Amino acid sequence: MRDTKESRLLLVLLVVVAFALITVDIRGGENSPLDRPRRAAQAAFGPVENAVSGVVDPVGNAVDAVRNSGHRNSTITRLQRENAALRQRLAGDTQTRTQAAELDKLLKVAGAGQYTVKGAQVIAIGAAQGFSWTVTIDAGSKDGIARDMTVINGDGLVGRVTTVGPSTSTVLLANDPDFTVGTRMEKTGELGFATGQGNRPMRVQLLNGKAAVHDGDRLVTFGSEADKPFVPGVPVGKVVAVEPSAGNLTKTVEVQPFVGFTRLDIVGIVVVGPRHDPRDSVLPPRPTTPPPAAKKPKPGSTPTAPTATGSALPPGDEPPASPTTTTTSTISNGG
């Protein structure tokens, strides 16, 4: 339609009519004269609106999905990062608690034996100098570590330092076949030499072939001159087998180490030995055997009563009661 004077007049007229109809509809309320035409128009054009809406809504939803897909992807990525960080933090907390428990055990052993220790962590496992059982720790000469120092943890003897670098050191483990340490039996004090056998128990050769040894007996380190390479009193292990001596001058036993060499983490290097030999004091107390429980009486039985002599008589055989005698004491006044 061209912009002419007539078209403008028609537009103004349509606007005026529209306002008039709106005013009449509002004033009429429920009785509006336009209500019937409106229902007729709704009945005529309602199906068309529904059909158009059914076609247009999926398109609109698809457009909204495309518009929001970037936001959803970023939200999923953010949640994945947060979950990964949470799992890592939980794993770190568990590891921290485990290391704190190991350090606490180490300090208790060091305190019992009066050892001055330098704490370190195992950072590598391998044969640095051709040894079959070695670990590398994160402490070296800058930390006061020197060759032939005793290495312990919260369970007992780990090994000895063999090579030292500025910030790391190599430890020969006690279960290595080239490892030998002097030992002392708990209580009896029998001396011997323990040698590593890899994954098998250590082999201990006692100097006394007639020594009385039993399964479960425990051993500690005997100690070396000037405490190198071994300080005295460090728990080594417990006897798990005794080989027949057959009249030999020595006796051989197998000892299971207290230390788990495949799960080492926190260790302590003894930089200053004890003033006095702690002997067996570093060993943990043996578990006490609870006393046997008292036997309960069988159902239907009558408990017996103890007599004056501590013996019990069956019912009906009690001795007769003796008569009671009353003695009256008279005090004389001399009259």
C-alpha atoms as a PDB file:
ATOM      1  CA  MET A   1       0.000   0.000   0.000  1.00  0.00           C
ATOM      2  CA  ARG A   2       1.349   3.412  -0.964  1.00  0.00           C
ATOM      3  CA  ASP A   3       1.679   6.145   1.585  1.00  0.00           C
ATOM      4  CA  THR A   4      -1.197   8.456   0.547  1.00  0.00           C
ATOM      5  CA  LYS A   5      -3.590  10.745   2.359  1.00  0.00           C
ATOM      6  CA  GLU A   6      -6.369   8.182   2.092  1.00  0.00           C
ATOM      7  CA  SER A   7      -4.226   5.403   3.558  1.00  0.00           C
ATOM      8  CA  ARG A   8      -3.255   7.529   6.517  1.00  0.00           C
ATOM      9  CA  LEU A   9      -6.893   8.444   7.137  1.00  0.00           C
ATOM     10  CA  LEU A  10      -7.835   4.737   6.969  1.00  0.00           C
ATOM     11  CA  LEU A  11      -5.120   3.837   9.495  1.00  0.00           C
ATOM     12  CA  VAL A  12      -6.326   6.495  11.936  1.00  0.00           C
ATOM     13  CA  LEU A  13      -9.898   5.281  11.524  1.00  0.00           C
ATOM     14  CA  LEU A  14      -8.884   1.658  12.237  1.00  0.00           C
ATOM     15  CA  VAL A  15      -7.020   2.706  15.393  1.00  0.00           C
ATOM     16  CA  VAL A  16     -10.026   4.656  16.642  1.00  0.00           C
ATOM     17  CA  VAL A  17     -12.355   1.718  15.972  1.00  0.00           C
ATOM     18  CA  ALA A  18      -9.951  -0.651  17.795  1.00  0.00           C
ATOM     19  CA  PHE A  19      -9.848   1.557  20.888  1.00  0.00           C
ATOM     20  CA  ALA A  20     -13.622   1.848  20.802  1.00  0.00           C
ATOM     21  CA  LEU A  21     -14.058  -1.924  20.655  1.00  0.00           C
ATOM     22  CA  ILE A  22     -11.567  -2.428  23.511  1.00  0.00           C
ATOM     23  CA  THR A  23     -13.453   0.124  25.636  1.00  0.00           C
ATOM     24  CA  VAL A  24     -16.814  -1.519  24.956  1.00  0.00           C
ATOM     25  CA  ASP A  25     -15.331  -4.988  25.740  1.00  0.00           C
ATOM     26  CA  ILE A  26     -13.823  -3.855  29.041  1.00  0.00           C
ATOM     27  CA  ARG A  27     -16.992  -2.088  30.196  1.00  0.00           C
ATOM     28  CA  GLY A  28     -19.167  -5.015  29.255  1.00  0.00           C
ATOM     29  CA  GLY A  29     -17.232  -7.527  31.383  1.00  0.00           C
ATOM     30  CA  GLU A  30     -18.753 -10.997  31.189  1.00  0.00           C
ATOM     31  CA  ASN A  31     -21.775  -9.552  29.282  1.00  0.00           C
ATOM     32  CA  SER A  32     -19.611  -7.914  26.657  1.00  0.00           C
ATOM     33  CA  PRO A  33     -21.286  -7.784  23.244  1.00  0.00           C
ATOM     34  CA  LEU A  34     -17.956  -8.823  21.727  1.00  0.00           C
ATOM     35  CA  ASP A  35     -17.783 -12.086  23.702  1.00  0.00           C
ATOM     36  CA  ARG A  36     -19.795 -14.109  21.132  1.00  0.00           C
ATOM     37  CA  PRO A  37     -17.722 -12.912  18.125  1.00  0.00           C
ATOM     38  CA  ARG A  38     -14.518 -13.609  20.088  1.00  0.00           C
ATOM     39  CA  ARG A  39     -15.572 -17.222  20.773  1.00  0.00           C
ATOM     40  CA  ALA A  40     -16.467 -17.682  17.135  1.00  0.00           C
ATOM     41  CA  ALA A  41     -13.100 -16.376  16.039  1.00  0.00           C
ATOM     42  CA  GLN A  42     -11.360 -18.641  18.561  1.00  0.00           C
ATOM     43  CA  ALA A  43     -13.241 -21.664  17.237  1.00  0.00           C
ATOM     44  CA  ALA A  44     -12.321 -20.750  13.674  1.00  0.00           C
ATOM     45  CA  PHE A  45      -8.679 -19.869  14.142  1.00  0.00           C
ATOM     46  CA  GLY A  46      -7.798 -22.118  17.166  1.00  0.00           C
ATOM     47  CA  PRO A  47      -6.936 -25.237  15.126  1.00  0.00           C
ATOM     48  CA  VAL A  48      -4.803 -23.142  12.813  1.00  0.00           C
ATOM     49  CA  GLU A  49      -2.895 -21.704  15.808  1.00  0.00           C
ATOM     50  CA  ASN A  50      -2.335 -25.184  17.266  1.00  0.00           C
ATOM     51  CA  ALA A  51      -1.032 -26.493  13.954  1.00  0.00           C
ATOM     52  CA  VAL A  52       1.327 -23.577  13.545  1.00  0.00           C
ATOM     53  CA  SER A  53       2.456 -23.952  17.190  1.00  0.00           C
ATOM     54  CA  GLY A  54       3.148 -27.666  16.689  1.00  0.00           C
ATOM     55  CA  VAL A  55       5.415 -26.806  13.772  1.00  0.00           C
ATOM     56  CA  VAL A  56       7.115 -23.798  15.326  1.00  0.00           C
ATOM     57  CA  ASP A  57       7.701 -25.133  18.917  1.00  0.00           C
ATOM     58  CA  PRO A  58      10.149 -27.944  17.955  1.00  0.00           C
ATOM     59  CA  VAL A  59      12.093 -25.482  15.898  1.00  0.00           C
ATOM     60  CA  GLY A  60      12.190 -23.056  18.806  1.00  0.00           C
ATOM     61  CA  ASN A  61      13.226 -25.794  21.216  1.00  0.00           C
ATOM     62  CA  ALA A  62      15.985 -26.885  18.871  1.00  0.00           C
ATOM     63  CA  VAL A  63      17.214 -23.315  18.614  1.00  0.00           C
ATOM     64  CA  ASP A  64      17.179 -23.010  22.436  1.00  0.00           C
ATOM     65  CA  ALA A  65      19.029 -26.331  22.778  1.00  0.00           C
ATOM     66  CA  VAL A  66      21.719 -25.187  20.359  1.00  0.00           C
ATOM     67  CA  ARG A  67      21.916 -21.856  22.154  1.00  0.00           C
ATOM     68  CA  ASN A  68      22.289 -23.560  25.594  1.00  0.00           C
ATOM     69  CA  SER A  69      24.501 -26.482  24.541  1.00  0.00           C
ATOM     70  CA  GLY A  70      27.683 -24.507  24.995  1.00  0.00           C
ATOM     71  CA  HIS A  71      26.667 -23.506  28.516  1.00  0.00           C
ATOM     72  CA  ARG A  72      25.761 -27.103  29.410  1.00  0.00           C
ATOM     73  CA  ASN A  73      29.053 -28.444  28.056  1.00  0.00           C
ATOM     74  CA  SER A  74      30.983 -25.886  30.070  1.00  0.00           C
ATOM     75  CA  THR A  75      28.987 -26.834  33.188  1.00  0.00           C
ATOM     76  CA  ILE A  76      29.709 -30.538  32.699  1.00  0.00           C
ATOM     77  CA  THR A  77      33.403 -29.809  32.154  1.00  0.00           C
ATOM     78  CA  ARG A  78      33.515 -27.680  35.294  1.00  0.00           C
ATOM     79  CA  LEU A  79      31.814 -30.391  37.379  1.00  0.00           C
ATOM     80  CA  GLN A  80      34.205 -33.028  36.043  1.00  0.00           C
ATOM     81  CA  ARG A  81      37.172 -30.879  37.049  1.00  0.00           C
ATOM     82  CA  GLU A  82      35.713 -30.327  40.513  1.00  0.00           C
ATOM     83  CA  ASN A  83      35.086 -34.074  40.973  1.00  0.00           C
ATOM     84  CA  ALA A  84      38.645 -34.899  39.893  1.00  0.00           C
ATOM     85  CA  ALA A  85      40.028 -32.295  42.294  1.00  0.00           C
ATOM     86  CA  LEU A  86      37.847 -33.666  45.113  1.00  0.00           C
ATOM     87  CA  ARG A  87      39.015 -37.242  44.491  1.00  0.00           C
ATOM     88  CA  GLN A  88      42.624 -36.097  44.442  1.00  0.00           C
ATOM     89  CA  ARG A  89      42.174 -34.183  47.696  1.00  0.00           C
ATOM     90  CA  LEU A  90      40.527 -37.168  49.398  1.00  0.00           C
ATOM     91  CA  ALA A  91      43.350 -39.436  48.226  1.00  0.00           C
ATOM     92  CA  GLY A  92      45.856 -36.898  49.525  1.00  0.00           C
ATOM     93  CA  ASP A  93      44.116 -36.747  52.908  1.00  0.00           C
ATOM     94  CA  THR A  94      44.206 -40.556  53.183  1.00  0.00           C
ATOM     95  CA  GLN A  95      47.904 -40.627  52.286  1.00  0.00           C
ATOM     96  CA  THR A  96      48.624 -37.852  54.774  1.00  0.00           C
ATOM     97  CA  ARG A  97      46.871 -39.753  57.563  1.00  0.00           C
ATOM     98  CA  THR A  98      48.778 -42.924  56.694  1.00  0.00           C
ATOM     99  CA  GLN A  99      52.126 -41.128  56.710  1.00  0.00           C
ATOM    100  CA  ALA A 100      51.272 -39.392  59.978  1.00  0.00           C
ATOM    101  CA  ALA A 101      50.528 -42.782  61.562  1.00  0.00           C
ATOM    102  CA  GLU A 102      53.848 -44.212  60.278  1.00  0.00           C
ATOM    103  CA  LEU A 103      55.744 -41.189  61.573  1.00  0.00           C
ATOM    104  CA  ASP A 104      54.079 -41.563  64.971  1.00  0.00           C
ATOM    105  CA  LYS A 105      55.160 -45.232  65.170  1.00  0.00           C
ATOM    106  CA  LEU A 106      58.707 -44.264  64.134  1.00  0.00           C
ATOM    107  CA  LEU A 107      58.946 -41.622  66.849  1.00  0.00           C
ATOM    108  CA  LYS A 108      57.727 -44.108  69.475  1.00  0.00           C
ATOM    109  CA  VAL A 109      60.442 -46.607  68.490  1.00  0.00           C
ATOM    110  CA  ALA A 110      63.078 -43.861  68.450  1.00  0.00           C
ATOM    111  CA  GLY A 111      61.948 -42.666  71.872  1.00  0.00           C
ATOM    112  CA  ALA A 112      62.002 -46.179  73.374  1.00  0.00           C
ATOM    113  CA  GLY A 113      65.517 -46.825  72.093  1.00  0.00           C
ATOM    114  CA  GLN A 114      66.793 -43.275  72.682  1.00  0.00           C
ATOM    115  CA  TYR A 115      67.781 -43.017  69.003  1.00  0.00           C
ATOM    116  CA  THR A 116      68.215 -39.628  67.358  1.00  0.00           C
ATOM    117  CA  VAL A 117      66.717 -40.078  63.911  1.00  0.00           C
ATOM    118  CA  LYS A 118      66.425 -38.077  60.696  1.00  0.00           C
ATOM    119  CA  GLY A 119      63.102 -38.693  58.963  1.00  0.00           C
ATOM    120  CA  ALA A 120      63.033 -39.493  55.243  1.00  0.00           C
ATOM    121  CA  GLN A 121      60.728 -40.896  52.598  1.00  0.00           C
ATOM    122  CA  VAL A 122      61.336 -43.742  50.161  1.00  0.00           C
ATOM    123  CA  ILE A 123      61.264 -42.229  46.654  1.00  0.00           C
ATOM    124  CA  ALA A 124      62.548 -45.096  44.491  1.00  0.00           C
ATOM    125  CA  ILE A 125      63.124 -48.839  44.486  1.00  0.00           C
ATOM    126  CA  GLY A 126      65.920 -50.388  42.490  1.00  0.00           C
ATOM    127  CA  ALA A 127      69.430 -51.701  42.221  1.00  0.00           C
ATOM    128  CA  ALA A 128      71.496 -48.548  42.300  1.00  0.00           C
ATOM    129  CA  GLN A 129      74.776 -50.403  42.955  1.00  0.00           C
ATOM    130  CA  GLY A 130      73.860 -53.882  41.799  1.00  0.00           C
ATOM    131  CA  PHE A 131      72.087 -54.873  45.011  1.00  0.00           C
ATOM    132  CA  SER A 132      68.901 -56.857  44.583  1.00  0.00           C
ATOM    133  CA  TRP A 133      67.007 -55.258  47.489  1.00  0.00           C
ATOM    134  CA  THR A 134      67.611 -51.489  47.792  1.00  0.00           C
ATOM    135  CA  VAL A 135      65.603 -48.291  48.103  1.00  0.00           C
ATOM    136  CA  THR A 136      66.447 -44.633  47.568  1.00  0.00           C
ATOM    137  CA  ILE A 137      65.467 -42.076  50.214  1.00  0.00           C
ATOM    138  CA  ASP A 138      65.174 -38.296  49.937  1.00  0.00           C
ATOM    139  CA  ALA A 139      67.896 -37.464  52.489  1.00  0.00           C
ATOM    140  CA  GLY A 140      71.630 -37.151  51.882  1.00  0.00           C
ATOM    141  CA  SER A 141      74.856 -35.588  53.084  1.00  0.00           C
ATOM    142  CA  LYS A 142      73.235 -32.147  53.305  1.00  0.00           C
ATOM    143  CA  ASP A 143      70.892 -33.645  55.898  1.00  0.00           C
ATOM    144  CA  GLY A 144      73.683 -35.163  57.989  1.00  0.00           C
ATOM    145  CA  ILE A 145      73.395 -38.672  56.519  1.00  0.00           C
ATOM    146  CA  ALA A 146      76.586 -40.749  56.266  1.00  0.00           C
ATOM    147  CA  ARG A 147      77.479 -44.224  55.072  1.00  0.00           C
ATOM    148  CA  ASP A 148      76.821 -47.205  57.413  1.00  0.00           C
ATOM    149  CA  MET A 149      74.016 -45.591  59.401  1.00  0.00           C
ATOM    150  CA  THR A 150      71.149 -47.755  60.688  1.00  0.00           C
ATOM    151  CA  VAL A 151      67.777 -47.268  59.012  1.00  0.00           C
ATOM    152  CA  ILE A 152      64.586 -48.088  60.937  1.00  0.00           C
ATOM    153  CA  ASN A 153      60.855 -47.474  60.787  1.00  0.00           C
ATOM    154  CA  GLY A 154      57.958 -47.897  63.211  1.00  0.00           C
ATOM    155  CA  ASP A 155      58.171 -51.715  62.958  1.00  0.00           C
ATOM    156  CA  GLY A 156      61.920 -52.277  63.350  1.00  0.00           C
ATOM    157  CA  LEU A 157      65.095 -52.743  61.310  1.00  0.00           C
ATOM    158  CA  VAL A 158      64.885 -51.596  57.658  1.00  0.00           C
ATOM    159  CA  GLY A 159      68.554 -51.755  56.632  1.00  0.00           C
ATOM    160  CA  ARG A 160      71.706 -49.657  56.465  1.00  0.00           C
ATOM    161  CA  VAL A 161      72.920 -46.758  54.336  1.00  0.00           C
ATOM    162  CA  THR A 162      75.386 -47.847  51.642  1.00  0.00           C
ATOM    163  CA  THR A 163      75.898 -44.788  49.424  1.00  0.00           C
ATOM    164  CA  VAL A 164      75.223 -41.120  50.081  1.00  0.00           C
ATOM    165  CA  GLY A 165      74.639 -38.246  47.681  1.00  0.00           C
ATOM    166  CA  PRO A 166      73.998 -34.571  48.441  1.00  0.00           C
ATOM    167  CA  SER A 167      70.208 -34.975  48.682  1.00  0.00           C
ATOM    168  CA  THR A 168      69.539 -38.724  48.332  1.00  0.00           C
ATOM    169  CA  SER A 169      70.925 -41.981  49.739  1.00  0.00           C
ATOM    170  CA  THR A 170      70.754 -45.694  48.951  1.00  0.00           C
ATOM    171  CA  VAL A 171      69.648 -48.143  51.647  1.00  0.00           C
ATOM    172  CA  LEU A 172      70.473 -51.863  51.533  1.00  0.00           C
ATOM    173  CA  LEU A 173      67.422 -53.641  52.940  1.00  0.00           C
ATOM    174  CA  ALA A 174      67.693 -56.235  55.691  1.00  0.00           C
ATOM    175  CA  ASN A 175      66.194 -58.976  53.509  1.00  0.00           C
ATOM    176  CA  ASP A 176      68.958 -58.707  50.888  1.00  0.00           C
ATOM    177  CA  PRO A 177      71.148 -61.865  50.613  1.00  0.00           C
ATOM    178  CA  ASP A 178      74.258 -59.681  51.102  1.00  0.00           C
ATOM    179  CA  PHE A 179      72.877 -58.235  54.352  1.00  0.00           C
ATOM    180  CA  THR A 180      74.138 -59.586  57.708  1.00  0.00           C
ATOM    181  CA  VAL A 181      73.442 -58.222  61.179  1.00  0.00           C
ATOM    182  CA  GLY A 182      74.317 -59.424  64.685  1.00  0.00           C
ATOM    183  CA  THR A 183      71.265 -60.379  66.768  1.00  0.00           C
ATOM    184  CA  ARG A 184      70.358 -61.004  70.386  1.00  0.00           C
ATOM    185  CA  MET A 185      67.490 -63.224  71.548  1.00  0.00           C
ATOM    186  CA  GLU A 186      64.900 -61.655  73.817  1.00  0.00           C
ATOM    187  CA  LYS A 187      65.268 -62.621  77.512  1.00  0.00           C
ATOM    188  CA  THR A 188      67.883 -65.366  76.981  1.00  0.00           C
ATOM    189  CA  GLY A 189      70.342 -63.013  75.266  1.00  0.00           C
ATOM    190  CA  GLU A 190      71.600 -65.739  72.887  1.00  0.00           C
ATOM    191  CA  LEU A 191      73.718 -64.188  70.133  1.00  0.00           C
ATOM    192  CA  GLY A 192      73.650 -64.952  66.442  1.00  0.00           C
ATOM    193  CA  PHE A 193      73.953 -63.565  62.915  1.00  0.00           C
ATOM    194  CA  ALA A 194      70.947 -62.918  60.669  1.00  0.00           C
ATOM    195  CA  THR A 195      71.184 -62.985  56.877  1.00  0.00           C
ATOM    196  CA  GLY A 196      68.529 -61.850  54.390  1.00  0.00           C
ATOM    197  CA  GLN A 197      66.846 -64.297  52.007  1.00  0.00           C
ATOM    198  CA  GLY A 198      64.711 -62.012  49.818  1.00  0.00           C
ATOM    199  CA  ASN A 199      61.025 -62.823  50.129  1.00  0.00           C
ATOM    200  CA  ARG A 200      61.751 -65.703  52.514  1.00  0.00           C
ATOM    201  CA  PRO A 201      62.318 -65.328  56.275  1.00  0.00           C
ATOM    202  CA  MET A 202      65.788 -64.308  57.431  1.00  0.00           C
ATOM    203  CA  ARG A 203      68.208 -67.083  58.351  1.00  0.00           C
ATOM    204  CA  VAL A 204      69.733 -66.701  61.818  1.00  0.00           C
ATOM    205  CA  GLN A 205      72.675 -68.785  62.991  1.00  0.00           C
ATOM    206  CA  LEU A 206      72.856 -68.887  66.774  1.00  0.00           C
ATOM    207  CA  LEU A 207      76.319 -69.339  68.304  1.00  0.00           C
ATOM    208  CA  ASN A 208      74.989 -71.745  70.952  1.00  0.00           C
ATOM    209  CA  GLY A 209      73.917 -75.015  69.366  1.00  0.00           C
ATOM    210  CA  LYS A 210      72.059 -76.005  72.539  1.00  0.00           C
ATOM    211  CA  ALA A 211      70.141 -72.751  72.899  1.00  0.00           C
ATOM    212  CA  ALA A 212      66.474 -73.198  73.812  1.00  0.00           C
ATOM    213  CA  VAL A 213      64.510 -71.529  71.015  1.00  0.00           C
ATOM    214  CA  HIS A 214      60.781 -71.660  70.337  1.00  0.00           C
ATOM    215  CA  ASP A 215      58.430 -70.328  67.698  1.00  0.00           C
ATOM    216  CA  GLY A 216      57.481 -66.748  68.452  1.00  0.00           C
ATOM    217  CA  ASP A 217      60.751 -65.866  70.231  1.00  0.00           C
ATOM    218  CA  ARG A 218      61.869 -62.368  69.215  1.00  0.00           C
ATOM    219  CA  LEU A 219      65.239 -60.914  68.263  1.00  0.00           C
ATOM    220  CA  VAL A 220      66.819 -57.457  68.315  1.00  0.00           C
ATOM    221  CA  THR A 221      70.066 -56.098  66.883  1.00  0.00           C
ATOM    222  CA  PHE A 222      73.183 -56.772  68.928  1.00  0.00           C
ATOM    223  CA  GLY A 223      74.856 -53.536  67.849  1.00  0.00           C
ATOM    224  CA  SER A 224      78.225 -52.659  66.301  1.00  0.00           C
ATOM    225  CA  GLU A 225      81.314 -50.857  67.499  1.00  0.00           C
ATOM    226  CA  ALA A 226      80.644 -47.101  67.562  1.00  0.00           C
ATOM    227  CA  ASP A 227      77.051 -47.939  66.477  1.00  0.00           C
ATOM    228  CA  LYS A 228      78.089 -48.420  62.834  1.00  0.00           C
ATOM    229  CA  PRO A 229      76.544 -49.919  60.901  1.00  0.00           C
ATOM    230  CA  PHE A 230      74.029 -51.006  63.540  1.00  0.00           C
ATOM    231  CA  VAL A 231      72.805 -49.546  66.790  1.00  0.00           C
ATOM    232  CA  PRO A 232      71.672 -52.037  69.479  1.00  0.00           C
ATOM    233  CA  GLY A 233      68.131 -52.937  70.462  1.00  0.00           C
ATOM    234  CA  VAL A 234      66.314 -52.472  67.128  1.00  0.00           C
ATOM    235  CA  PRO A 235      63.554 -55.107  66.659  1.00  0.00           C
ATOM    236  CA  VAL A 236      64.481 -57.579  63.892  1.00  0.00           C
ATOM    237  CA  GLY A 237      61.762 -60.264  63.809  1.00  0.00           C
ATOM    238  CA  LYS A 238      60.331 -63.390  65.421  1.00  0.00           C
ATOM    239  CA  VAL A 239      61.226 -67.054  65.081  1.00  0.00           C
ATOM    240  CA  VAL A 240      58.967 -69.028  62.741  1.00  0.00           C
ATOM    241  CA  ALA A 241      60.999 -72.251  62.379  1.00  0.00           C
ATOM    242  CA  VAL A 242      63.870 -74.057  64.164  1.00  0.00           C
ATOM    243  CA  GLU A 243      66.088 -76.411  62.202  1.00  0.00           C
ATOM    244  CA  PRO A 244      67.330 -79.579  63.948  1.00  0.00           C
ATOM    245  CA  SER A 245      70.829 -79.009  65.323  1.00  0.00           C
ATOM    246  CA  ALA A 246      71.937 -82.681  65.022  1.00  0.00           C
ATOM    247  CA  GLY A 247      74.771 -82.078  67.457  1.00  0.00           C
ATOM    248  CA  ASN A 248      76.182 -79.057  65.580  1.00  0.00           C
ATOM    249  CA  LEU A 249      78.005 -76.349  67.431  1.00  0.00           C
ATOM    250  CA  THR A 250      75.507 -73.762  66.131  1.00  0.00           C
ATOM    251  CA  LYS A 251      71.733 -73.707  65.739  1.00  0.00           C
ATOM    252  CA  THR A 252      69.897 -72.284  62.737  1.00  0.00           C
ATOM    253  CA  VAL A 253      66.450 -70.695  62.941  1.00  0.00           C
ATOM    254  CA  GLU A 254      64.248 -68.818  60.495  1.00  0.00           C
ATOM    255  CA  VAL A 255      63.028 -65.370  61.529  1.00  0.00           C
ATOM    256  CA  GLN A 256      60.159 -63.442  59.955  1.00  0.00           C
ATOM    257  CA  PRO A 257      61.123 -59.736  59.870  1.00  0.00           C
ATOM    258  CA  PHE A 258      58.826 -57.232  61.548  1.00  0.00           C
ATOM    259  CA  VAL A 259      59.242 -54.807  58.631  1.00  0.00           C
ATOM    260  CA  GLY A 260      57.257 -55.174  55.414  1.00  0.00           C
ATOM    261  CA  PHE A 261      59.924 -54.386  52.817  1.00  0.00           C
ATOM    262  CA  THR A 262      57.470 -54.156  49.915  1.00  0.00           C
ATOM    263  CA  ARG A 263      55.461 -51.302  51.459  1.00  0.00           C
ATOM    264  CA  LEU A 264      58.113 -48.947  52.833  1.00  0.00           C
ATOM    265  CA  ASP A 265      57.344 -45.229  52.945  1.00  0.00           C
ATOM    266  CA  ILE A 266      58.465 -43.233  56.007  1.00  0.00           C
ATOM    267  CA  VAL A 267      61.810 -44.286  57.505  1.00  0.00           C
ATOM    268  CA  GLY A 268      64.263 -42.892  60.029  1.00  0.00           C
ATOM    269  CA  ILE A 269      68.073 -42.797  59.781  1.00  0.00           C
ATOM    270  CA  VAL A 270      69.745 -43.098  63.189  1.00  0.00           C
ATOM    271  CA  VAL A 271      72.240 -40.220  63.222  1.00  0.00           C
ATOM    272  CA  VAL A 272      73.091 -40.593  66.932  1.00  0.00           C
ATOM    273  CA  GLY A 273      72.959 -43.926  68.771  1.00  0.00           C
ATOM    274  CA  PRO A 274      71.715 -44.532  72.316  1.00  0.00           C
ATOM    275  CA  ARG A 275      73.858 -43.858  75.382  1.00  0.00           C
ATOM    276  CA  HIS A 276      73.081 -47.307  76.778  1.00  0.00           C
ATOM    277  CA  ASP A 277      72.031 -50.546  75.132  1.00  0.00           C
ATOM    278  CA  PRO A 278      68.213 -50.604  75.294  1.00  0.00           C
ATOM    279  CA  ARG A 279      68.298 -54.450  75.107  1.00  0.00           C
ATOM    280  CA  ASP A 280      64.649 -55.614  74.793  1.00  0.00           C
ATOM    281  CA  SER A 281      62.916 -52.357  75.770  1.00  0.00           C
ATOM    282  CA  VAL A 282      62.164 -51.331  72.171  1.00  0.00           C
ATOM    283  CA  LEU A 283      60.165 -54.501  71.510  1.00  0.00           C
ATOM    284  CA  PRO A 284      56.420 -53.966  71.906  1.00  0.00           C
ATOM    285  CA  PRO A 285      54.751 -55.649  74.906  1.00  0.00           C
ATOM    286  CA  ARG A 286      53.570 -59.160  74.256  1.00  0.00           C
ATOM    287  CA  PRO A 287      49.785 -59.579  74.151  1.00  0.00           C
ATOM    288  CA  THR A 288      48.479 -60.860  77.465  1.00  0.00           C
ATOM    289  CA  THR A 289      46.435 -64.078  77.539  1.00  0.00           C
ATOM    290  CA  PRO A 290      43.032 -63.491  79.163  1.00  0.00           C
ATOM    291  CA  PRO A 291      42.226 -65.757  82.178  1.00  0.00           C
ATOM    292  CA  PRO A 292      39.920 -68.710  81.434  1.00  0.00           C
ATOM    293  CA  ALA A 293      36.261 -67.944  81.917  1.00  0.00           C
ATOM    294  CA  ALA A 294      34.544 -69.483  84.955  1.00  0.00           C
ATOM    295  CA  LYS A 295      32.440 -72.523  84.135  1.00  0.00           C
ATOM    296  CA  LYS A 296      28.717 -71.972  84.416  1.00  0.00           C
ATOM    297  CA  PRO A 297      26.678 -74.555  86.453  1.00  0.00           C
ATOM    298  CA  LYS A 298      24.673 -77.000  84.396  1.00  0.00           C
ATOM    299  CA  PRO A 299      20.937 -76.357  84.192  1.00  0.00           C
ATOM    300  CA  GLY A 300      19.046 -78.090  87.044  1.00  0.00           C
ATOM    301  CA  SER A 301      22.095 -78.599  89.276  1.00  0.00           C
ATOM    302  CA  THR A 302      22.187 -77.214  92.809  1.00  0.00           C
ATOM    303  CA  PRO A 303      25.282 -75.264  93.807  1.00  0.00           C
ATOM    304  CA  THR A 304      27.123 -76.651  96.832  1.00  0.00           C
ATOM    305  CA  ALA A 305      27.871 -74.565  99.872  1.00  0.00           C
ATOM    306  CA  PRO A 306      31.418 -74.426 101.240  1.00  0.00           C
ATOM    307  CA  THR A 307      32.010 -75.534 104.826  1.00  0.00           C
ATOM    308  CA  ALA A 308      34.293 -73.931 107.330  1.00  0.00           C
ATOM    309  CA  THR A 309      37.195 -75.956 105.984  1.00  0.00           C
ATOM    310  CA  GLY A 310      36.495 -74.945 102.438  1.00  0.00           C
ATOM    311  CA  SER A 311      35.021 -78.352 101.413  1.00  0.00           C
ATOM    312  CA  ALA A 312      31.573 -78.748  99.959  1.00  0.00           C
ATOM    313  CA  LEU A 313      29.008 -81.309 101.104  1.00  0.00           C
ATOM    314  CA  PRO A 314      26.057 -82.471  99.090  1.00  0.00           C
ATOM    315  CA  PRO A 315      22.608 -81.366 100.238  1.00  0.00           C
ATOM    316  CA  GLY A 316      21.280 -83.396 103.187  1.00  0.00           C
ATOM    317  CA  ASP A 317      24.734 -84.381 104.504  1.00  0.00           C
ATOM    318  CA  GLU A 318      25.377 -81.178 106.420  1.00  0.00           C
ATOM    319  CA  PRO A 319      26.528 -81.729 110.051  1.00  0.00           C
ATOM    320  CA  PRO A 320      23.935 -81.003 112.744  1.00  0.00           C
ATOM    321  CA  ALA A 321      24.041 -77.599 114.271  1.00  0.00           C
ATOM    322  CA  SER A 322      25.579 -77.465 117.795  1.00  0.00           C
ATOM    323  CA  PRO A 323      23.505 -75.980 120.598  1.00  0.00           C
ATOM    324  CA  THR A 324      24.251 -72.445 121.589  1.00  0.00           C
ATOM    325  CA  THR A 325      25.509 -71.969 125.144  1.00  0.00           C
ATOM    326  CA  THR A 326      25.079 -68.647 126.896  1.00  0.00           C
ATOM    327  CA  THR A 327      27.601 -67.810 129.623  1.00  0.00           C
ATOM    328  CA  THR A 328      26.746 -65.218 132.246  1.00  0.00           C
ATOM    329  CA  SER A 329      29.612 -63.389 133.858  1.00  0.00           C
ATOM    330  CA  THR A 330      29.111 -62.062 137.391  1.00  0.00           C
ATOM    331  CA  ILE A 331      31.248 -59.258 138.674  1.00  0.00           C
ATOM    332  CA  SER A 332      31.740 -59.372 142.468  1.00  0.00           C
ATOM    333  CA  ASN A 333      31.847 -56.217 144.528  1.00  0.00           C
ATOM    334  CA  GLY A 334      33.593 -57.954 147.377  1.00  0.00           C
ATOM    335  CA  GLY A 335      30.334 -58.372 149.375  1.00  0.00           C
END
